[in-house]
């Protein structure tokens, strides 16, 4: 029988003791393009495919992803850092078991977190039960440092672009800004409010060609969300469209997007504590995000 050397054995123990996590940051150029709603509905679509999903809400403006599904939490990650409540006390539960963690007020505290407290925070996240398979981050709108810190922390970046010329301009500006701070290994694109698949793909192709020419960044197609009255109706009801209207055009598009995302390879041996460490480090290195 072949022997496993100590380093290999330790690596195997670590691999099986800690669950691998896909962390995906969703960024966009401006409010009102449907980013938070996309994150909420996609989280439910992934959960319906057997994933344990947690959504971290970093955007302090507008209605959060959780609130769109009727999940309201008075507590923020900032309260955990100030030791006013334990991490489970701020976790909200939504449809299909999707969990929501609001972290819109934690930026300045994360940037000043001592190393010992950083370790305690990462340990708290790693003890979440059930363990997290998919971590979706609803980043702040625009091209500021808060969005950059989310992009640096996540393993993957999804750019949400609204159909139309302004959407292309906004999306390009976000990617150009993120390149200053985030190691852009891949950028995936979702087009919202498109008239049809051809319309959405034309917007993606236009943006991808511009980014490739002027930024040397490759943008991969992830999917699109049509103008669908069923999605608007689901949001008014504070329900997820995959549950409320599973045969709708938007539910079908979300399902295709979820299936694509699930086939992405893992970015190395990455676990939830790795995401938290990178988020803290990015918050420290981008102090203007916390002003």
Protein backbone atom coordinates (compact mmCIF):
# COMPACT_ATOMS: atom_id res chain seq x y z
CA UNK A 1 0.00 0.00 0.00
CA UNK A 2 1.47 3.41 -0.93
CA UNK A 3 2.30 5.68 1.98
CA UNK A 4 1.06 9.25 2.23
CA UNK A 5 3.79 11.64 3.28
CA UNK A 6 2.95 13.98 6.21
CA UNK A 7 2.48 17.09 4.04
CA UNK A 8 0.07 15.22 1.77
CA UNK A 9 -1.82 13.78 4.72
CA UNK A 10 -2.19 17.22 6.28
CA UNK A 11 -3.46 18.60 2.99
CA UNK A 12 -6.05 15.85 2.71
CA UNK A 13 -7.22 16.37 6.29
CA UNK A 14 -7.56 20.09 5.64
CA UNK A 15 -9.43 19.50 2.39
CA UNK A 16 -12.03 17.22 3.93
CA UNK A 17 -12.37 19.18 7.17
CA UNK A 18 -13.19 22.45 5.36
CA UNK A 19 -15.81 22.78 2.67
CA UNK A 20 -14.80 24.31 -0.63
CA UNK A 21 -16.74 27.46 -1.45
CA UNK A 22 -17.38 29.32 -4.67
CA UNK A 23 -17.40 33.03 -3.83
CA UNK A 24 -18.86 35.29 -6.50
CA UNK A 25 -19.04 39.11 -6.34
CA UNK A 26 -21.74 40.84 -8.37
CA UNK A 27 -20.77 44.38 -9.39
CA UNK A 28 -22.58 46.97 -11.48
CA UNK A 29 -22.27 50.52 -12.67
CA UNK A 30 -25.26 52.20 -11.09
CA UNK A 31 -28.28 51.55 -8.86
CA UNK A 32 -31.50 50.37 -10.43
CA UNK A 33 -30.11 47.86 -12.94
CA UNK A 34 -31.52 44.85 -11.08
CA UNK A 35 -28.29 43.62 -9.48
CA UNK A 36 -29.68 42.91 -5.99
CA UNK A 37 -32.79 41.24 -7.40
CA UNK A 38 -30.60 39.11 -9.66
CA UNK A 39 -28.47 37.99 -6.71
CA UNK A 40 -31.55 37.11 -4.64
CA UNK A 41 -33.30 35.12 -7.37
CA UNK A 42 -30.09 33.40 -8.52
CA UNK A 43 -29.36 32.38 -4.94
CA UNK A 44 -32.73 30.65 -4.79
CA UNK A 45 -32.18 28.99 -8.18
CA UNK A 46 -28.87 27.61 -6.90
CA UNK A 47 -30.47 26.41 -3.67
CA UNK A 48 -33.11 24.55 -5.68
CA UNK A 49 -30.19 22.74 -7.30
CA UNK A 50 -28.93 21.47 -3.95
CA UNK A 51 -26.49 24.25 -3.09
CA UNK A 52 -26.13 25.71 0.40
CA UNK A 53 -26.20 29.42 -0.45
CA UNK A 54 -25.21 32.46 1.61
CA UNK A 55 -25.63 36.01 0.30
CA UNK A 56 -23.49 38.79 1.77
CA UNK A 57 -25.03 42.22 1.26
CA UNK A 58 -22.43 45.01 1.10
CA UNK A 59 -24.51 47.71 -0.62
CA UNK A 60 -25.84 50.29 1.90
CA UNK A 61 -28.14 51.94 -0.65
CA UNK A 62 -31.54 50.81 -1.88
CA UNK A 63 -33.41 47.62 -1.08
CA UNK A 64 -31.12 44.72 -0.24
CA UNK A 65 -31.27 41.28 -1.82
CA UNK A 66 -32.80 39.83 1.34
CA UNK A 67 -35.39 42.57 1.67
CA UNK A 68 -36.51 41.91 -1.89
CA UNK A 69 -37.55 38.44 -0.67
CA UNK A 70 -39.05 39.72 2.59
CA UNK A 71 -36.03 38.88 4.75
CA UNK A 72 -35.48 41.83 7.08
CA UNK A 73 -32.64 41.81 9.60
CA UNK A 74 -32.04 44.69 12.03
CA UNK A 75 -28.47 43.57 12.70
CA UNK A 76 -25.31 44.01 10.61
CA UNK A 77 -21.87 42.36 10.55
CA UNK A 78 -20.69 45.55 12.25
CA UNK A 79 -22.62 44.44 15.35
CA UNK A 80 -20.71 41.13 15.33
CA UNK A 81 -17.38 42.93 15.09
CA UNK A 82 -18.41 45.17 18.01
CA UNK A 83 -19.31 41.96 19.91
CA UNK A 84 -22.90 43.01 20.42
CA UNK A 85 -24.19 39.76 18.90
CA UNK A 86 -22.79 36.45 17.67
CA UNK A 87 -22.66 35.79 13.93
CA UNK A 88 -25.67 33.41 13.87
CA UNK A 89 -27.74 36.25 15.35
CA UNK A 90 -27.47 38.34 12.19
CA UNK A 91 -28.06 35.56 9.66
CA UNK A 92 -31.48 35.72 8.01
CA UNK A 93 -33.15 32.74 6.34
CA UNK A 94 -35.02 33.07 3.07
CA UNK A 95 -36.70 30.83 0.48
CA UNK A 96 -35.16 27.39 -0.06
CA UNK A 97 -32.88 27.96 2.94
CA UNK A 98 -30.86 30.76 1.35
CA UNK A 99 -29.08 32.71 4.11
CA UNK A 100 -28.48 36.45 4.13
CA UNK A 101 -25.77 38.37 5.99
CA UNK A 102 -25.96 42.14 5.92
CA UNK A 103 -22.50 43.75 5.96
CA UNK A 104 -23.16 47.23 4.63
CA UNK A 105 -21.93 49.03 7.78
CA UNK A 106 -18.86 46.92 8.47
CA UNK A 107 -16.30 48.46 6.11
CA UNK A 108 -14.53 50.84 8.49
CA UNK A 109 -14.53 48.24 11.28
CA UNK A 110 -13.09 45.59 8.97
CA UNK A 111 -10.24 47.88 7.97
CA UNK A 112 -9.27 48.42 11.63
CA UNK A 113 -9.71 44.82 12.78
CA UNK A 114 -6.74 43.46 14.79
CA UNK A 115 -5.25 40.19 13.59
CA UNK A 116 -6.58 38.25 16.59
CA UNK A 117 -10.13 39.47 15.98
CA UNK A 118 -9.79 38.77 12.27
CA UNK A 119 -9.03 35.15 13.16
CA UNK A 120 -12.07 35.03 15.45
CA UNK A 121 -14.30 36.42 12.70
CA UNK A 122 -13.07 33.92 10.11
CA UNK A 123 -13.52 31.11 12.62
CA UNK A 124 -17.11 32.22 13.25
CA UNK A 125 -17.87 32.10 9.52
CA UNK A 126 -16.21 28.70 9.15
CA UNK A 127 -18.52 27.31 11.88
CA UNK A 128 -21.72 28.29 10.08
CA UNK A 129 -24.08 25.32 9.80
CA UNK A 130 -24.89 24.00 7.33
CA UNK A 131 -21.58 24.70 5.63
CA UNK A 132 -21.72 27.09 2.69
CA UNK A 133 -21.29 25.83 -0.88
CA UNK A 134 -21.95 29.10 -2.71
CA UNK A 135 -21.25 32.60 -1.41
CA UNK A 136 -22.80 35.43 -3.44
CA UNK A 137 -21.75 39.01 -2.68
CA UNK A 138 -24.07 41.88 -3.59
CA UNK A 139 -21.44 44.61 -3.99
CA UNK A 140 -22.18 48.34 -3.84
CA UNK A 141 -23.13 50.03 -7.09
CA UNK A 142 -20.53 52.06 -8.94
CA UNK A 143 -16.79 51.79 -9.29
CA UNK A 144 -15.76 52.80 -5.76
CA UNK A 145 -13.42 51.10 -3.31
CA UNK A 146 -16.23 49.16 -1.60
CA UNK A 147 -16.96 47.37 -4.88
CA UNK A 148 -13.24 46.80 -5.39
CA UNK A 149 -12.85 45.21 -1.95
CA UNK A 150 -15.65 42.78 -2.77
CA UNK A 151 -14.04 41.93 -6.10
CA UNK A 152 -10.65 41.35 -4.47
CA UNK A 153 -12.18 39.05 -1.84
CA UNK A 154 -14.27 36.90 -4.20
CA UNK A 155 -12.97 34.09 -6.36
CA UNK A 156 -15.09 35.20 -9.33
CA UNK A 157 -16.48 38.52 -10.53
CA UNK A 158 -19.79 38.99 -12.34
CA UNK A 159 -20.46 42.31 -14.03
CA UNK A 160 -24.18 43.15 -14.21
CA UNK A 161 -24.97 45.37 -17.21
CA UNK A 162 -28.33 46.91 -18.07
CA UNK A 163 -29.37 46.75 -21.72
CA UNK A 164 -28.62 49.99 -23.55
CA UNK A 165 -25.72 52.25 -24.44
CA UNK A 166 -25.42 53.65 -20.90
CA UNK A 167 -25.10 50.13 -19.54
CA UNK A 168 -22.11 49.43 -21.75
CA UNK A 169 -20.45 52.70 -20.70
CA UNK A 170 -21.12 52.03 -17.02
CA UNK A 171 -19.88 48.45 -17.25
CA UNK A 172 -16.67 49.49 -18.96
CA UNK A 173 -16.02 52.14 -16.29
CA UNK A 174 -16.49 49.59 -13.49
CA UNK A 175 -14.05 47.11 -15.03
CA UNK A 176 -11.48 49.85 -15.72
CA UNK A 177 -11.68 50.97 -12.10
CA UNK A 178 -11.53 47.44 -10.68
CA UNK A 179 -8.36 46.70 -12.62
CA UNK A 180 -6.50 49.12 -10.35
CA UNK A 181 -7.11 46.94 -7.29
CA UNK A 182 -8.61 43.56 -8.21
CA UNK A 183 -6.68 40.74 -9.88
CA UNK A 184 -9.11 40.20 -12.74
CA UNK A 185 -8.63 36.54 -13.58
CA UNK A 186 -12.03 36.32 -15.23
CA UNK A 187 -14.97 38.66 -15.60
CA UNK A 188 -18.37 37.15 -16.35
CA UNK A 189 -21.20 39.27 -17.72
CA UNK A 190 -24.96 39.21 -17.10
CA UNK A 191 -27.19 41.51 -19.15
CA UNK A 192 -30.46 42.61 -17.53
CA UNK A 193 -33.65 43.99 -19.05
CA UNK A 194 -32.86 42.83 -22.55
CA UNK A 195 -35.53 42.54 -25.25
CA UNK A 196 -34.29 39.10 -26.22
CA UNK A 197 -31.29 36.80 -26.31
CA UNK A 198 -29.86 38.38 -29.48
CA UNK A 199 -30.15 41.84 -27.91
CA UNK A 200 -28.38 40.70 -24.74
CA UNK A 201 -25.59 38.95 -26.61
CA UNK A 202 -25.02 41.99 -28.83
CA UNK A 203 -24.53 44.13 -25.71
CA UNK A 204 -22.13 41.58 -24.25
CA UNK A 205 -20.17 41.32 -27.52
CA UNK A 206 -19.89 45.10 -27.79
CA UNK A 207 -18.65 45.43 -24.22
CA UNK A 208 -16.31 42.44 -24.55
CA UNK A 209 -14.73 43.82 -27.72
CA UNK A 210 -14.17 47.23 -26.11
CA UNK A 211 -12.68 45.74 -22.94
CA UNK A 212 -10.44 43.40 -24.91
CA UNK A 213 -9.15 46.22 -27.12
CA UNK A 214 -8.52 48.90 -24.50
CA UNK A 215 -8.15 46.98 -21.22
CA UNK A 216 -6.89 43.56 -22.37
CA UNK A 217 -9.63 41.99 -20.28
CA UNK A 218 -11.60 38.97 -21.45
CA UNK A 219 -15.32 38.95 -20.59
CA UNK A 220 -17.21 35.67 -20.56
CA UNK A 221 -20.92 35.37 -21.20
CA UNK A 222 -22.84 34.13 -18.13
CA UNK A 223 -26.43 34.89 -19.09
CA UNK A 224 -29.22 37.40 -19.37
CA UNK A 225 -32.45 38.40 -17.68
CA UNK A 226 -35.36 39.34 -19.95
CA UNK A 227 -37.90 42.05 -19.34
CA UNK A 228 -40.41 39.77 -17.61
CA UNK A 229 -43.58 40.91 -15.83
CA UNK A 230 -43.49 37.73 -13.75
CA UNK A 231 -40.21 38.81 -12.16
CA UNK A 232 -41.66 42.21 -11.31
CA UNK A 233 -44.75 40.50 -9.89
CA UNK A 234 -42.62 38.14 -7.80
CA UNK A 235 -40.66 41.06 -6.35
CA UNK A 236 -43.85 42.88 -5.43
CA UNK A 237 -44.91 39.74 -3.57
CA UNK A 238 -41.45 39.45 -1.93
CA UNK A 239 -41.06 36.03 -3.50
CA UNK A 240 -38.34 34.44 -5.61
CA UNK A 241 -39.39 34.05 -9.22
CA UNK A 242 -38.05 30.43 -9.47
CA UNK A 243 -40.56 29.53 -6.72
CA UNK A 244 -43.48 31.80 -7.57
CA UNK A 245 -43.36 31.48 -11.36
CA UNK A 246 -41.14 28.51 -12.18
CA UNK A 247 -42.21 28.36 -15.85
CA UNK A 248 -41.59 32.07 -16.52
CA UNK A 249 -38.97 33.34 -18.94
CA UNK A 250 -36.92 34.89 -16.14
CA UNK A 251 -36.99 31.68 -14.06
CA UNK A 252 -35.74 29.74 -17.10
CA UNK A 253 -32.94 32.27 -17.68
CA UNK A 254 -31.93 32.13 -14.01
CA UNK A 255 -31.88 28.34 -14.14
CA UNK A 256 -29.55 28.35 -17.12
CA UNK A 257 -27.33 30.84 -15.36
CA UNK A 258 -27.23 28.71 -12.20
CA UNK A 259 -26.33 25.61 -14.20
CA UNK A 260 -23.47 27.46 -15.89
CA UNK A 261 -22.15 28.79 -12.59
CA UNK A 262 -22.20 25.33 -11.04
CA UNK A 263 -19.86 24.06 -13.74
CA UNK A 264 -17.20 26.67 -13.08
CA UNK A 265 -14.03 25.08 -11.68
CA UNK A 266 -13.06 25.85 -8.12
CA UNK A 267 -10.36 28.51 -7.82
CA UNK A 268 -7.95 26.28 -5.91
CA UNK A 269 -8.51 25.04 -2.37
CA UNK A 270 -10.62 28.00 -1.32
CA UNK A 271 -12.88 28.00 1.72
CA UNK A 272 -15.09 30.50 3.49
CA UNK A 273 -12.35 31.65 5.84
CA UNK A 274 -10.22 32.52 2.81
CA UNK A 275 -12.91 34.88 1.56
CA UNK A 276 -13.22 36.58 4.95
CA UNK A 277 -9.44 37.05 5.23
CA UNK A 278 -9.27 38.58 1.76
CA UNK A 279 -12.21 40.88 2.54
CA UNK A 280 -10.51 42.18 5.68
CA UNK A 281 -7.20 42.65 3.89
CA UNK A 282 -8.87 44.48 0.99
CA UNK A 283 -10.70 46.75 3.42
CA UNK A 284 -7.36 47.65 4.99
CA UNK A 285 -5.67 48.37 1.68
CA UNK A 286 -8.57 50.46 0.35
CA UNK A 287 -9.16 52.85 3.25
CA UNK A 288 -11.23 55.30 1.18
CA UNK A 289 -13.89 52.59 1.01
CA UNK A 290 -14.49 53.10 4.69
CA UNK A 291 -14.55 56.88 4.93
